[in-house]
């Protein structure tokens, strides 16, 4: 199976644009079934600077949405979303965003039918870093 991956970058004048579209082959790991499988983590080499492992390249598009209450030592994973633009516009399901409201954690409160106040709750996404850049991990990016 292949998917089409969009790669964004800044032009010389600072404007973001699509720099490349590349198909990425998603082959099964050895010993996996051909119809439902764990993706083999091969090296993906596109146009410079789009080099990384398949999982790291895909992980930069599909990200976990998390909630953190200051003072707590845990992040609550609410679900996933995926980026649809280079400026950070993303899509997710409504129940992902309303989860903290329904569970009433972090001081979230409903002001009216369409407005909520988040209180101390911080919501964001965990974006994986490319392990080829020298370290492997995640970066928290807050969301509005």
N, C-alpha and C. Protein backbone atom coordinates (compact mmCIF):
# COMPACT_ATOMS: atom_id res chain seq x y z
N UNK A 1 0.85 -1.16 0.00
CA UNK A 1 0.00 0.00 0.00
C UNK A 1 0.90 1.23 0.00
N UNK A 2 0.46 2.27 -0.65
CA UNK A 2 1.16 3.56 -0.64
C UNK A 2 0.20 4.66 -0.22
N UNK A 3 0.73 5.66 0.44
CA UNK A 3 -0.04 6.87 0.74
C UNK A 3 0.71 8.05 0.14
N UNK A 4 -0.02 9.10 -0.13
CA UNK A 4 0.60 10.32 -0.66
C UNK A 4 0.84 11.27 0.50
N UNK A 5 2.07 11.63 0.72
CA UNK A 5 2.46 12.51 1.83
C UNK A 5 2.82 13.88 1.28
N UNK A 6 2.28 14.91 1.92
CA UNK A 6 2.57 16.29 1.56
C UNK A 6 3.69 16.79 2.47
N UNK A 7 4.69 17.44 1.88
CA UNK A 7 5.79 18.03 2.64
C UNK A 7 5.75 19.54 2.47
N UNK A 8 5.70 20.26 3.60
CA UNK A 8 5.63 21.71 3.60
C UNK A 8 6.99 22.30 3.94
N UNK A 9 7.21 23.51 3.51
CA UNK A 9 8.43 24.22 3.85
C UNK A 9 8.25 25.70 3.56
N UNK A 10 9.18 26.51 4.06
CA UNK A 10 9.11 27.96 3.83
C UNK A 10 9.89 28.32 2.59
N UNK A 11 9.32 29.24 1.83
CA UNK A 11 10.05 29.82 0.70
C UNK A 11 11.06 30.83 1.24
N UNK A 12 11.87 31.37 0.37
CA UNK A 12 12.85 32.36 0.76
C UNK A 12 12.25 33.60 1.39
N UNK A 13 10.99 33.94 1.01
CA UNK A 13 10.34 35.12 1.58
C UNK A 13 9.55 34.82 2.86
N UNK A 14 9.69 33.58 3.38
CA UNK A 14 9.04 33.23 4.64
C UNK A 14 7.64 32.67 4.52
N UNK A 15 7.10 32.61 3.32
CA UNK A 15 5.75 32.07 3.11
C UNK A 15 5.81 30.54 3.06
N UNK A 16 4.89 29.87 3.78
CA UNK A 16 4.82 28.42 3.76
C UNK A 16 4.18 27.96 2.46
N UNK A 17 4.67 26.86 1.95
CA UNK A 17 4.08 26.29 0.73
C UNK A 17 4.34 24.78 0.70
N UNK A 18 3.60 24.10 -0.17
CA UNK A 18 3.87 22.69 -0.40
C UNK A 18 5.15 22.62 -1.22
N UNK A 19 6.15 21.91 -0.69
CA UNK A 19 7.41 21.79 -1.40
C UNK A 19 7.51 20.50 -2.18
N UNK A 20 6.78 19.47 -1.73
CA UNK A 20 6.90 18.19 -2.40
C UNK A 20 5.71 17.30 -2.06
N UNK A 21 5.36 16.45 -2.97
CA UNK A 21 4.38 15.39 -2.75
C UNK A 21 5.07 14.09 -3.11
N UNK A 22 5.08 13.15 -2.19
CA UNK A 22 5.78 11.89 -2.42
C UNK A 22 4.92 10.72 -1.97
N UNK A 23 4.88 9.66 -2.76
CA UNK A 23 4.23 8.43 -2.27
C UNK A 23 5.16 7.74 -1.28
N UNK A 24 4.58 7.21 -0.21
CA UNK A 24 5.34 6.46 0.78
C UNK A 24 4.77 5.05 0.81
N UNK A 25 5.62 4.08 0.53
CA UNK A 25 5.20 2.68 0.58
C UNK A 25 5.11 2.23 2.03
N UNK A 26 3.98 1.66 2.38
CA UNK A 26 3.76 1.15 3.73
C UNK A 26 3.75 -0.38 3.66
N UNK A 27 4.94 -0.96 3.72
CA UNK A 27 5.08 -2.41 3.63
C UNK A 27 4.91 -3.04 4.99
N UNK A 28 4.44 -4.30 5.04
CA UNK A 28 4.29 -4.98 6.32
C UNK A 28 5.64 -5.42 6.88
N UNK A 29 5.74 -5.42 8.23
CA UNK A 29 6.92 -5.99 8.86
C UNK A 29 6.97 -7.48 8.55
N UNK A 30 8.15 -8.05 8.60
CA UNK A 30 8.30 -9.48 8.35
C UNK A 30 7.42 -10.28 9.28
N UNK A 31 6.72 -11.26 8.71
CA UNK A 31 5.85 -12.14 9.49
C UNK A 31 4.44 -11.62 9.70
N UNK A 32 4.12 -10.41 9.21
CA UNK A 32 2.78 -9.85 9.38
C UNK A 32 1.89 -10.23 8.20
N UNK A 33 0.60 -10.27 8.44
CA UNK A 33 -0.37 -10.53 7.38
C UNK A 33 -0.39 -9.37 6.39
N UNK A 34 -0.78 -9.63 5.17
CA UNK A 34 -0.77 -8.60 4.13
C UNK A 34 -1.97 -7.65 4.21
N UNK A 35 -3.04 -8.03 4.92
CA UNK A 35 -4.23 -7.18 4.94
C UNK A 35 -4.34 -6.31 6.20
N UNK A 36 -3.67 -6.69 7.28
CA UNK A 36 -3.70 -5.91 8.52
C UNK A 36 -2.36 -6.10 9.20
N UNK A 37 -1.53 -5.04 9.22
CA UNK A 37 -0.16 -5.26 9.64
C UNK A 37 0.47 -4.04 10.28
N UNK A 38 1.55 -4.32 11.02
CA UNK A 38 2.40 -3.27 11.55
C UNK A 38 3.31 -2.82 10.41
N UNK A 39 3.47 -1.51 10.26
CA UNK A 39 4.25 -0.95 9.16
C UNK A 39 5.74 -1.16 9.40
N UNK A 40 6.42 -1.65 8.38
CA UNK A 40 7.87 -1.82 8.44
C UNK A 40 8.52 -0.44 8.46
N UNK A 41 9.44 -0.23 9.37
CA UNK A 41 10.03 1.10 9.57
C UNK A 41 11.31 1.27 8.76
N UNK A 42 11.15 1.36 7.45
CA UNK A 42 12.28 1.58 6.55
C UNK A 42 12.70 3.04 6.56
N UNK A 43 13.83 3.31 5.96
CA UNK A 43 14.29 4.67 5.78
C UNK A 43 13.58 5.27 4.58
N UNK A 44 13.04 6.48 4.75
CA UNK A 44 12.40 7.20 3.65
C UNK A 44 13.34 8.32 3.21
N UNK A 45 13.66 8.35 1.94
CA UNK A 45 14.50 9.40 1.40
C UNK A 45 13.71 10.11 0.32
N UNK A 46 13.33 11.34 0.60
CA UNK A 46 12.65 12.18 -0.37
C UNK A 46 13.59 13.27 -0.80
N UNK A 47 13.04 14.38 -1.18
CA UNK A 47 13.88 15.54 -1.49
C UNK A 47 14.49 16.06 -0.19
N UNK A 48 15.68 16.60 -0.26
CA UNK A 48 16.32 17.19 0.91
C UNK A 48 15.45 18.36 1.35
N UNK A 49 15.07 18.55 2.58
CA UNK A 49 15.51 17.87 3.80
C UNK A 49 14.53 16.82 4.30
N UNK A 50 13.80 16.16 3.43
CA UNK A 50 12.77 15.20 3.84
C UNK A 50 13.33 13.79 3.89
N UNK A 51 14.13 13.54 4.91
CA UNK A 51 14.74 12.22 5.12
C UNK A 51 14.40 11.80 6.55
N UNK A 52 13.97 10.58 6.71
CA UNK A 52 13.66 10.07 8.03
C UNK A 52 13.14 8.66 7.93
N UNK A 53 12.76 8.10 9.07
CA UNK A 53 12.15 6.79 9.04
C UNK A 53 10.68 6.96 8.66
N UNK A 54 10.09 5.92 8.13
CA UNK A 54 8.69 6.00 7.72
C UNK A 54 7.80 6.35 8.92
N UNK A 55 8.06 5.72 10.06
CA UNK A 55 7.22 6.00 11.23
C UNK A 55 7.38 7.44 11.71
N UNK A 56 8.60 8.00 11.64
CA UNK A 56 8.77 9.39 12.09
C UNK A 56 8.12 10.36 11.11
N UNK A 57 8.22 10.09 9.83
CA UNK A 57 7.59 10.97 8.81
C UNK A 57 6.07 10.93 8.97
N UNK A 58 5.49 9.74 9.14
CA UNK A 58 4.04 9.62 9.31
C UNK A 58 3.60 10.18 10.66
N UNK A 59 4.43 10.01 11.68
CA UNK A 59 4.09 10.50 13.01
C UNK A 59 4.04 12.01 13.11
N UNK A 60 4.62 12.71 12.14
CA UNK A 60 4.55 14.16 12.14
C UNK A 60 3.22 14.66 11.57
N UNK A 61 2.42 13.78 10.99
CA UNK A 61 1.12 14.16 10.45
C UNK A 61 -0.02 13.72 11.36
N UNK A 62 0.05 12.50 11.87
CA UNK A 62 -1.00 11.96 12.74
C UNK A 62 -0.44 12.01 14.16
N UNK A 63 -1.08 12.81 15.02
CA UNK A 63 -0.51 13.07 16.34
C UNK A 63 -1.53 12.84 17.46
N UNK A 64 -1.04 12.45 18.64
CA UNK A 64 -1.93 12.34 19.80
C UNK A 64 -2.29 13.72 20.34
N UNK A 65 -3.55 13.87 20.68
CA UNK A 65 -4.03 15.09 21.32
C UNK A 65 -4.08 14.81 22.82
N UNK A 66 -3.42 15.67 23.60
CA UNK A 66 -3.28 15.43 25.03
C UNK A 66 -3.77 16.62 25.84
N UNK A 67 -4.08 16.33 27.10
CA UNK A 67 -4.48 17.37 28.05
C UNK A 67 -3.59 17.24 29.28
N UNK A 68 -3.19 18.38 29.83
CA UNK A 68 -2.35 18.41 31.02
C UNK A 68 -2.90 19.43 31.99
N UNK A 69 -2.99 19.02 33.23
CA UNK A 69 -3.37 19.92 34.31
C UNK A 69 -2.09 20.25 35.06
N UNK A 70 -1.72 21.52 35.14
CA UNK A 70 -0.49 21.88 35.87
C UNK A 70 -0.48 21.27 37.27
N UNK A 71 0.66 20.71 37.63
CA UNK A 71 0.81 20.06 38.93
C UNK A 71 0.61 18.56 38.87
N UNK A 72 -0.06 18.06 37.84
CA UNK A 72 -0.21 16.61 37.67
C UNK A 72 1.00 16.08 36.93
N UNK A 73 1.38 14.86 37.22
CA UNK A 73 2.57 14.28 36.59
C UNK A 73 2.23 13.43 35.38
N UNK A 74 0.99 13.52 34.89
CA UNK A 74 0.58 12.71 33.74
C UNK A 74 -0.03 13.59 32.66
N UNK A 75 0.06 13.10 31.44
CA UNK A 75 -0.69 13.67 30.32
C UNK A 75 -1.85 12.75 30.05
N UNK A 76 -3.00 13.30 29.79
CA UNK A 76 -4.16 12.48 29.45
C UNK A 76 -4.28 12.48 27.93
N UNK A 77 -4.19 11.30 27.34
CA UNK A 77 -4.35 11.20 25.88
C UNK A 77 -5.84 11.18 25.57
N UNK A 78 -6.30 12.18 24.82
CA UNK A 78 -7.71 12.31 24.50
C UNK A 78 -8.08 11.59 23.22
N UNK A 79 -7.12 11.43 22.32
CA UNK A 79 -7.36 10.80 21.02
C UNK A 79 -6.30 11.26 20.04
N UNK A 80 -6.62 11.23 18.77
CA UNK A 80 -5.67 11.64 17.74
C UNK A 80 -6.30 12.67 16.81
N UNK A 81 -5.43 13.36 16.10
CA UNK A 81 -5.83 14.29 15.06
C UNK A 81 -4.79 14.23 13.96
N UNK A 82 -5.06 14.90 12.87
CA UNK A 82 -4.06 14.93 11.82
C UNK A 82 -4.00 16.32 11.21
N UNK A 83 -2.77 16.71 10.88
CA UNK A 83 -2.54 18.03 10.30
C UNK A 83 -2.97 18.05 8.84
N UNK A 84 -3.64 19.14 8.45
CA UNK A 84 -4.07 19.29 7.06
C UNK A 84 -3.44 20.52 6.41
N UNK A 85 -2.61 21.24 7.15
CA UNK A 85 -1.92 22.39 6.57
C UNK A 85 -0.59 22.60 7.27
N UNK A 86 0.28 23.33 6.61
CA UNK A 86 1.60 23.61 7.18
C UNK A 86 1.53 24.63 8.31
N UNK A 87 0.42 25.34 8.44
CA UNK A 87 0.30 26.35 9.48
C UNK A 87 -0.25 25.77 10.78
N UNK A 88 -0.49 24.45 10.81
CA UNK A 88 -0.94 23.81 12.04
C UNK A 88 -2.42 23.52 12.11
N UNK A 89 -3.18 23.79 11.06
CA UNK A 89 -4.61 23.46 11.05
C UNK A 89 -4.74 21.95 11.10
N UNK A 90 -5.55 21.48 12.04
CA UNK A 90 -5.70 20.03 12.16
C UNK A 90 -7.16 19.66 12.31
N UNK A 91 -7.45 18.40 12.04
CA UNK A 91 -8.79 17.85 12.18
C UNK A 91 -8.80 16.78 13.26
N UNK A 92 -9.89 16.73 13.99
CA UNK A 92 -10.11 15.67 14.96
C UNK A 92 -11.61 15.56 15.16
N UNK A 93 -12.03 14.58 15.91
CA UNK A 93 -13.45 14.39 16.19
C UNK A 93 -13.88 15.28 17.35
N UNK A 94 -15.15 15.67 17.36
CA UNK A 94 -15.66 16.57 18.40
C UNK A 94 -15.53 15.97 19.80
N UNK A 95 -15.72 14.64 19.93
CA UNK A 95 -15.66 14.04 21.27
C UNK A 95 -14.26 14.11 21.87
N UNK A 96 -13.24 14.29 21.04
CA UNK A 96 -11.88 14.44 21.56
C UNK A 96 -11.75 15.77 22.30
N UNK A 97 -12.28 16.81 21.71
CA UNK A 97 -12.19 18.15 22.30
C UNK A 97 -13.13 18.31 23.49
N UNK A 98 -14.30 17.68 23.45
CA UNK A 98 -15.26 17.84 24.54
C UNK A 98 -14.99 16.91 25.73
N UNK A 99 -14.05 15.99 25.60
CA UNK A 99 -13.74 15.06 26.68
C UNK A 99 -13.44 15.75 28.01
N UNK A 100 -12.55 16.76 28.05
CA UNK A 100 -12.28 17.43 29.34
C UNK A 100 -13.51 18.13 29.91
N UNK A 101 -14.39 18.60 29.04
CA UNK A 101 -15.60 19.28 29.50
C UNK A 101 -16.53 18.28 30.16
N UNK A 102 -16.73 17.14 29.50
CA UNK A 102 -17.63 16.12 30.04
C UNK A 102 -17.10 15.52 31.33
N UNK A 103 -15.76 15.36 31.43
CA UNK A 103 -15.16 14.75 32.62
C UNK A 103 -14.83 15.77 33.71
N UNK A 104 -14.95 17.05 33.36
CA UNK A 104 -14.76 18.15 34.31
C UNK A 104 -13.41 18.10 35.02
N UNK A 105 -12.32 17.96 34.26
CA UNK A 105 -11.02 18.02 34.92
C UNK A 105 -10.26 19.25 34.47
N UNK A 106 -9.33 19.67 35.33
CA UNK A 106 -8.52 20.85 35.04
C UNK A 106 -9.24 22.16 35.21
N UNK A 107 -10.38 22.17 35.91
CA UNK A 107 -11.09 23.42 36.10
C UNK A 107 -11.88 23.88 34.89
N UNK A 108 -12.11 22.99 33.92
CA UNK A 108 -12.90 23.36 32.74
C UNK A 108 -14.35 23.56 33.16
N UNK A 109 -14.94 24.62 32.63
CA UNK A 109 -16.36 24.83 32.92
C UNK A 109 -17.07 25.40 31.70
N UNK A 110 -18.31 25.03 31.59
CA UNK A 110 -19.14 25.46 30.47
C UNK A 110 -19.79 26.80 30.82
N UNK A 111 -19.56 27.81 29.96
CA UNK A 111 -20.14 29.13 30.20
C UNK A 111 -21.54 29.23 29.60
N UNK A 112 -21.71 28.70 28.39
CA UNK A 112 -23.01 28.61 27.74
C UNK A 112 -22.96 27.45 26.76
N UNK A 113 -23.96 27.33 25.88
CA UNK A 113 -24.03 26.19 24.96
C UNK A 113 -22.87 26.09 23.99
N UNK A 114 -22.15 27.20 23.76
CA UNK A 114 -21.08 27.19 22.76
C UNK A 114 -19.73 27.67 23.28
N UNK A 115 -19.64 27.98 24.57
CA UNK A 115 -18.41 28.55 25.10
C UNK A 115 -17.99 27.82 26.37
N UNK A 116 -16.68 27.49 26.43
CA UNK A 116 -16.11 26.86 27.60
C UNK A 116 -14.89 27.63 28.04
N UNK A 117 -14.63 27.59 29.31
CA UNK A 117 -13.42 28.19 29.85
C UNK A 117 -12.53 27.04 30.32
N UNK A 118 -11.29 27.00 29.81
CA UNK A 118 -10.40 25.87 30.09
C UNK A 118 -9.75 25.93 31.47
N UNK A 119 -9.81 27.06 32.15
CA UNK A 119 -9.16 27.15 33.45
C UNK A 119 -7.67 26.93 33.31
N UNK A 120 -7.09 26.02 34.11
CA UNK A 120 -5.66 25.74 34.06
C UNK A 120 -5.30 24.67 33.05
N UNK A 121 -6.28 24.02 32.46
CA UNK A 121 -6.03 22.91 31.55
C UNK A 121 -5.27 23.37 30.31
N UNK A 122 -4.24 22.63 29.96
CA UNK A 122 -3.46 22.89 28.74
C UNK A 122 -3.73 21.75 27.77
N UNK A 123 -4.22 22.07 26.58
CA UNK A 123 -4.44 21.06 25.55
C UNK A 123 -3.43 21.27 24.44
N UNK A 124 -3.00 20.17 23.85
CA UNK A 124 -2.03 20.27 22.77
C UNK A 124 -1.81 18.95 22.08
N UNK A 125 -0.78 18.92 21.26
CA UNK A 125 -0.42 17.72 20.53
C UNK A 125 1.03 17.37 20.83
N UNK A 126 1.35 16.10 20.73
CA UNK A 126 2.71 15.62 20.90
C UNK A 126 3.24 15.29 19.51
N UNK A 127 4.22 16.07 19.06
CA UNK A 127 4.80 15.88 17.73
C UNK A 127 6.14 15.17 17.90
N UNK A 128 6.30 14.01 17.23
CA UNK A 128 7.57 13.30 17.37
C UNK A 128 8.71 14.02 16.66
N UNK A 129 9.89 13.94 17.25
CA UNK A 129 11.07 14.49 16.59
C UNK A 129 11.64 13.44 15.65
N UNK A 130 12.37 13.87 14.66
CA UNK A 130 12.99 12.95 13.72
C UNK A 130 14.25 12.38 14.37
N UNK A 131 14.34 11.05 14.55
CA UNK A 131 15.51 10.48 15.23
C UNK A 131 16.82 10.71 14.46
N UNK A 132 16.73 11.03 13.19
CA UNK A 132 17.94 11.29 12.42
C UNK A 132 18.55 12.66 12.76
N UNK A 133 17.82 13.49 13.53
CA UNK A 133 18.33 14.79 13.95
C UNK A 133 19.14 14.70 15.23
N UNK A 134 19.38 13.50 15.74
CA UNK A 134 20.24 13.35 16.89
C UNK A 134 19.57 12.94 18.18
N UNK A 135 18.27 13.10 18.31
CA UNK A 135 17.59 12.63 19.50
C UNK A 135 16.18 12.20 19.14
N UNK A 136 15.66 11.27 19.93
CA UNK A 136 14.32 10.75 19.69
C UNK A 136 13.44 11.14 20.85
N UNK A 137 12.27 11.65 20.56
CA UNK A 137 11.36 12.06 21.60
C UNK A 137 10.17 12.79 21.01
N UNK A 138 9.50 13.58 21.83
CA UNK A 138 8.32 14.32 21.41
C UNK A 138 8.42 15.77 21.86
N UNK A 139 7.75 16.64 21.14
CA UNK A 139 7.66 18.04 21.50
C UNK A 139 6.17 18.36 21.69
N UNK A 140 5.83 18.98 22.83
CA UNK A 140 4.45 19.40 23.09
C UNK A 140 4.20 20.73 22.39
N UNK A 141 3.12 20.80 21.63
CA UNK A 141 2.70 22.04 20.99
C UNK A 141 1.26 22.32 21.43
N UNK A 142 1.06 23.46 22.09
CA UNK A 142 -0.28 23.81 22.57
C UNK A 142 -1.20 24.11 21.40
N UNK A 143 -2.49 23.95 21.63
CA UNK A 143 -3.47 24.23 20.57
C UNK A 143 -4.56 25.14 21.09
N UNK A 144 -5.18 25.81 20.14
CA UNK A 144 -6.27 26.73 20.48
C UNK A 144 -7.58 26.08 20.08
